[in-house]
Amino acid sequence: MPTQLAVQMYTLRNFTKTPADIASALARVKKMGYDAVQLSALGPIEPAELAKILKNEGLQCVATHIGLDRMKNDTAKVIEEHRMWGCSLTAIGGFFPKAEDWSLQLWQNFIADYNAAAAKFAGSGVRIGYHNHSHELARVDPAPGGKTAMDMLFDGLSQDVWFEIDTYWIQHGGGDPAAWVRKCKGRIPAVHMKDLGMKTDRTQFMMEVGEGNMNWPSIIAACKDAGVQWYIVEQDTCYRDPFESLEISLRNLKSMGLS
């Protein structure tokens, strides 16, 4: 079975400041047993040089994160780079409005803006997606049963826009990761795998996959049902060496039947 496990390089952002750093980090990712990556938070590097490093290490680029401005204003270059890397998926890391600006109109405007950006990628072989955090689970309509921002995104974004459900942040926002993965069936080629643990003072924190409290059998079953192609390991904050964290997650995911 071909690999379905990848590393979100944002986890290693402190080790990817220069081209030499990037090459070293990617080599370590490959050596620990991953064969695929999501590119994000890299220091300055020429796209062609990055493509060469990926090829030399035998790493597949399965997705990226880029900014909305680049999607809208540098579309042709973004498409060219992704073709160079053999990558068909990109996404923004989220939409982060100020609390005082939160409104129905704000989210409607963002959705229209993002749909316009998605239309610019039509026929290119590259699709743009949306990666959630927990604030999208706040209600836009404060009435009981009112829509959350996540509901609005799901209902309003073009079918061409894919969803990169982040398991930790859905759980952090009081949602059910498995339910959201299933809801996005057919629109979720990649998912972010990260775990949530509790401290004794009742604060939540990120953990390696399989080391926290999340229901991984349920989540993985939902991913398989929804047609997820890539399980991308990410840990925004690590409490040990990030390379060690990625290795622990890899080991645990393999023990859960993924490869």
Protein backbone atom coordinates (compact mmCIF):
# COMPACT_ATOMS: atom_id res chain seq x y z
CA MET A 1 0.00 0.00 0.00
CA PRO A 2 1.44 3.44 -0.91
CA THR A 3 2.19 5.82 1.92
CA GLN A 4 -0.58 8.06 3.22
CA LEU A 5 1.36 9.67 6.07
CA ALA A 6 2.98 13.08 5.70
CA VAL A 7 4.63 15.76 7.85
CA GLN A 8 3.35 19.33 7.97
CA MET A 9 6.65 21.20 7.89
CA TYR A 10 5.20 23.99 10.03
CA THR A 11 6.04 21.66 12.94
CA LEU A 12 9.72 22.13 12.08
CA ARG A 13 9.60 25.86 11.30
CA ASN A 14 12.49 26.62 13.68
CA PHE A 15 14.68 24.25 11.65
CA THR A 16 13.87 25.57 8.14
CA LYS A 17 15.21 29.11 8.06
CA THR A 18 17.74 28.70 5.22
CA PRO A 19 18.03 26.43 2.15
CA ALA A 20 20.65 24.36 3.99
CA ASP A 21 18.33 24.07 7.00
CA ILE A 22 15.46 23.01 4.76
CA ALA A 23 17.55 20.33 3.08
CA SER A 24 18.71 19.01 6.46
CA ALA A 25 15.20 18.95 7.95
CA LEU A 26 13.72 17.19 4.93
CA ALA A 27 16.51 14.60 5.04
CA ARG A 28 15.73 13.91 8.72
CA VAL A 29 11.99 13.60 7.96
CA LYS A 30 12.76 11.04 5.26
CA LYS A 31 15.19 9.14 7.47
CA MET A 32 12.64 8.76 10.30
CA GLY A 33 10.23 7.05 7.89
CA TYR A 34 7.98 9.65 6.28
CA ASP A 35 7.78 9.73 2.48
CA ALA A 36 5.62 12.84 2.06
CA VAL A 37 5.41 16.41 3.34
CA GLN A 38 3.23 19.49 3.38
CA LEU A 39 5.29 22.60 2.72
CA SER A 40 4.69 25.52 5.05
CA ALA A 41 6.63 28.16 7.01
CA LEU A 42 9.88 27.64 5.10
CA GLY A 43 12.53 30.31 4.93
CA PRO A 44 13.44 31.88 1.57
CA ILE A 45 14.33 29.26 -1.06
CA GLU A 46 14.04 29.13 -4.83
CA PRO A 47 11.16 26.85 -5.90
CA ALA A 48 13.45 24.95 -8.28
CA GLU A 49 15.98 24.30 -5.51
CA LEU A 50 13.19 23.05 -3.25
CA ALA A 51 11.96 20.74 -6.02
CA LYS A 52 15.48 19.35 -6.37
CA ILE A 53 15.79 18.68 -2.62
CA LEU A 54 12.42 16.90 -2.55
CA LYS A 55 13.41 14.74 -5.52
CA ASN A 56 16.82 13.90 -4.08
CA GLU A 57 15.26 12.83 -0.77
CA GLY A 58 12.47 10.87 -2.44
CA LEU A 59 9.82 12.98 -0.73
CA GLN A 60 6.43 13.75 -2.23
CA CYS A 61 4.92 17.19 -1.70
CA VAL A 62 1.24 16.46 -1.11
CA ALA A 63 0.04 19.93 -0.07
CA THR A 64 1.14 23.42 0.89
CA HIS A 65 -0.06 26.39 2.91
CA ILE A 66 0.17 29.83 1.31
CA GLY A 67 -1.42 33.23 1.89
CA LEU A 68 -4.65 34.41 0.32
CA ASP A 69 -2.88 37.40 -1.23
CA ARG A 70 -0.63 35.09 -3.24
CA MET A 71 -3.59 32.98 -4.30
CA LYS A 72 -5.38 36.06 -5.63
CA ASN A 73 -2.52 38.18 -6.94
CA ASP A 74 0.16 35.67 -7.96
CA THR A 75 -2.02 32.83 -9.21
CA ALA A 76 0.02 31.86 -12.27
CA LYS A 77 3.26 31.68 -10.25
CA VAL A 78 1.58 29.63 -7.51
CA ILE A 79 0.30 27.16 -10.11
CA GLU A 80 3.73 26.98 -11.77
CA GLU A 81 5.45 26.27 -8.44
CA HIS A 82 2.99 23.57 -7.48
CA ARG A 83 3.37 21.85 -10.83
CA MET A 84 7.15 21.96 -10.32
CA TRP A 85 6.68 20.22 -6.96
CA GLY A 86 4.14 17.72 -8.31
CA CYS A 87 1.58 19.07 -5.85
CA SER A 88 -2.14 19.57 -6.52
CA LEU A 89 -3.34 20.88 -3.14
CA THR A 90 -2.80 24.18 -1.36
CA ALA A 91 -4.74 25.92 1.39
CA ILE A 92 -4.76 28.94 3.64
CA GLY A 93 -4.10 28.38 7.32
CA GLY A 94 -7.42 30.03 8.22
CA PHE A 95 -9.23 33.35 8.35
CA PHE A 96 -8.58 35.28 11.56
CA PRO A 97 -10.88 38.28 11.98
CA LYS A 98 -10.71 40.43 15.09
CA ALA A 99 -13.39 39.65 17.66
CA GLU A 100 -14.83 43.15 17.37
CA ASP A 101 -15.28 42.69 13.60
CA TRP A 102 -17.10 39.35 13.91
CA SER A 103 -20.35 39.47 11.95
CA LEU A 104 -22.46 37.62 9.43
CA GLN A 105 -21.45 40.08 6.72
CA LEU A 106 -17.76 39.64 7.48
CA TRP A 107 -17.93 35.88 6.91
CA GLN A 108 -20.13 36.27 3.85
CA ASN A 109 -17.59 38.67 2.36
CA PHE A 110 -14.72 36.28 3.10
CA ILE A 111 -16.57 33.37 1.50
CA ALA A 112 -17.27 35.40 -1.65
CA ASP A 113 -13.62 36.51 -1.77
CA TYR A 114 -12.35 32.95 -1.38
CA ASN A 115 -14.72 31.58 -4.00
CA ALA A 116 -13.39 34.20 -6.41
CA ALA A 117 -9.85 33.04 -5.65
CA ALA A 118 -10.86 29.40 -6.21
CA ALA A 119 -12.29 30.27 -9.62
CA LYS A 120 -8.85 31.54 -10.70
CA PHE A 121 -7.47 28.01 -10.20
CA ALA A 122 -10.16 26.29 -12.29
CA GLY A 123 -8.68 23.85 -14.78
CA SER A 124 -5.13 24.32 -13.46
CA GLY A 125 -4.84 20.99 -11.66
CA VAL A 126 -4.28 22.85 -8.37
CA ARG A 127 -7.11 23.18 -5.82
CA ILE A 128 -7.30 25.60 -2.93
CA GLY A 129 -8.65 24.63 0.49
CA TYR A 130 -9.45 25.90 3.96
CA HIS A 131 -7.71 24.80 7.16
CA ASN A 132 -9.68 25.38 10.36
CA HIS A 133 -8.75 26.36 13.89
CA SER A 134 -11.21 26.46 16.79
CA HIS A 135 -12.59 29.99 16.42
CA GLU A 136 -14.61 28.91 13.37
CA LEU A 137 -16.78 26.91 15.77
CA ALA A 138 -17.96 30.11 17.42
CA ARG A 139 -21.49 31.05 16.43
CA VAL A 140 -22.01 33.86 13.95
CA ASP A 141 -25.72 33.76 14.76
CA PRO A 142 -25.92 33.88 18.59
CA ALA A 143 -29.44 32.43 18.64
CA PRO A 144 -29.79 28.86 19.95
CA GLY A 145 -28.88 26.53 17.13
CA GLY A 146 -27.52 29.42 15.07
CA LYS A 147 -24.84 28.80 12.47
CA THR A 148 -21.17 28.77 13.36
CA ALA A 149 -18.57 30.24 11.03
CA MET A 150 -17.60 26.66 10.17
CA ASP A 151 -21.18 25.93 9.12
CA MET A 152 -21.10 29.01 6.90
CA LEU A 153 -17.82 27.96 5.31
CA PHE A 154 -19.11 24.46 4.63
CA ASP A 155 -22.36 25.73 3.12
CA GLY A 156 -20.97 28.74 1.28
CA LEU A 157 -17.59 27.80 -0.12
CA SER A 158 -17.52 26.47 -3.67
CA GLN A 159 -17.46 22.71 -4.14
CA ASP A 160 -14.06 23.31 -5.73
CA VAL A 161 -12.71 24.33 -2.31
CA TRP A 162 -11.50 21.43 -0.18
CA PHE A 163 -11.44 21.23 3.61
CA GLU A 164 -8.31 20.42 5.60
CA ILE A 165 -9.94 19.43 8.87
CA ASP A 166 -7.59 19.85 11.82
CA THR A 167 -8.53 17.25 14.43
CA TYR A 168 -7.06 19.08 17.42
CA TRP A 169 -8.67 22.42 16.66
CA ILE A 170 -12.11 20.89 16.05
CA GLN A 171 -11.85 19.13 19.41
CA HIS A 172 -10.52 22.32 21.03
CA GLY A 173 -13.59 24.19 19.79
CA GLY A 174 -15.98 21.64 21.26
CA GLY A 175 -16.67 19.89 17.96
CA ASP A 176 -16.49 16.23 16.98
CA PRO A 177 -13.53 15.65 14.63
CA ALA A 178 -14.97 12.40 13.24
CA ALA A 179 -18.31 14.06 12.53
CA TRP A 180 -16.68 16.96 10.71
CA VAL A 181 -14.49 14.65 8.66
CA ARG A 182 -17.58 12.68 7.62
CA LYS A 183 -19.47 15.88 6.84
CA CYS A 184 -16.71 16.86 4.42
CA LYS A 185 -16.81 13.53 2.57
CA GLY A 186 -15.62 14.00 -0.99
CA ARG A 187 -14.07 17.38 -0.13
CA ILE A 188 -11.33 16.27 2.28
CA PRO A 189 -8.30 14.85 0.45
CA ALA A 190 -6.06 15.66 3.44
CA VAL A 191 -6.54 15.91 7.19
CA HIS A 192 -4.32 17.30 9.95
CA MET A 193 -3.59 14.74 12.63
CA LYS A 194 -2.76 16.09 16.07
CA ASP A 195 -3.82 15.08 19.55
CA LEU A 196 -5.23 16.96 22.54
CA GLY A 197 -4.23 16.31 26.13
CA MET A 198 -5.31 17.78 29.46
CA LYS A 199 -3.16 19.14 32.25
CA THR A 200 -4.13 18.80 35.89
CA ASP A 201 -5.14 22.49 35.94
CA ARG A 202 -7.68 21.67 33.19
CA THR A 203 -5.82 23.47 30.41
CA GLN A 204 -5.59 21.78 27.03
CA PHE A 205 -2.37 21.24 25.13
CA MET A 206 -1.13 19.59 21.96
CA MET A 207 0.33 16.11 22.10
CA GLU A 208 1.76 13.56 19.72
CA VAL A 209 -0.91 11.54 17.92
CA GLY A 210 -1.99 8.68 20.15
CA GLU A 211 -0.58 10.24 23.32
CA GLY A 212 -3.61 12.38 24.21
CA ASN A 213 -7.32 11.87 24.77
CA MET A 214 -8.80 11.91 21.29
CA ASN A 215 -10.79 9.02 19.83
CA TRP A 216 -8.44 7.91 17.07
CA PRO A 217 -10.27 4.73 16.03
CA SER A 218 -13.37 6.84 15.38
CA ILE A 219 -11.43 9.58 13.58
CA ILE A 220 -9.51 7.18 11.35
CA ALA A 221 -12.68 5.26 10.48
CA ALA A 222 -14.31 8.55 9.51
CA CYS A 223 -11.29 9.50 7.39
CA LYS A 224 -11.46 6.22 5.50
CA ASP A 225 -15.20 6.67 4.94
CA ALA A 226 -14.72 10.25 3.76
CA GLY A 227 -12.03 9.38 1.21
CA VAL A 228 -9.05 11.02 2.92
CA GLN A 229 -5.90 10.41 0.89
CA TRP A 230 -3.33 12.04 3.18
CA TYR A 231 -2.95 11.94 6.95
CA ILE A 232 -0.71 14.91 7.68
CA VAL A 233 0.97 14.98 11.09
CA GLU A 234 1.29 18.41 12.61
CA GLN A 235 2.12 19.66 16.09
CA ASP A 236 2.08 23.45 16.38
CA THR A 237 3.73 23.33 19.81
CA CYS A 238 6.01 20.51 20.91
CA TYR A 239 7.14 19.90 24.48
CA ARG A 240 10.13 17.83 23.39
CA ASP A 241 12.33 17.90 20.31
CA PRO A 242 9.91 18.35 17.36
CA PHE A 243 11.65 15.61 15.38
CA GLU A 244 11.08 13.23 18.28
CA SER A 245 7.42 14.29 18.43
CA LEU A 246 6.98 13.52 14.74
CA GLU A 247 8.62 10.13 15.20
CA ILE A 248 6.30 9.25 18.11
CA SER A 249 3.24 10.22 16.05
CA LEU A 250 4.49 8.15 13.13
CA ARG A 251 5.03 5.11 15.33
CA ASN A 252 1.60 5.44 16.91
CA LEU A 253 -0.21 5.95 13.61
CA LYS A 254 1.45 2.88 12.16
CA SER A 255 0.29 0.91 15.20
CA MET A 256 -3.24 2.12 14.35
CA GLY A 257 -2.98 0.53 10.92
CA LEU A 258 -1.89 3.49 8.79
CA SER A 259 1.27 3.43 6.70
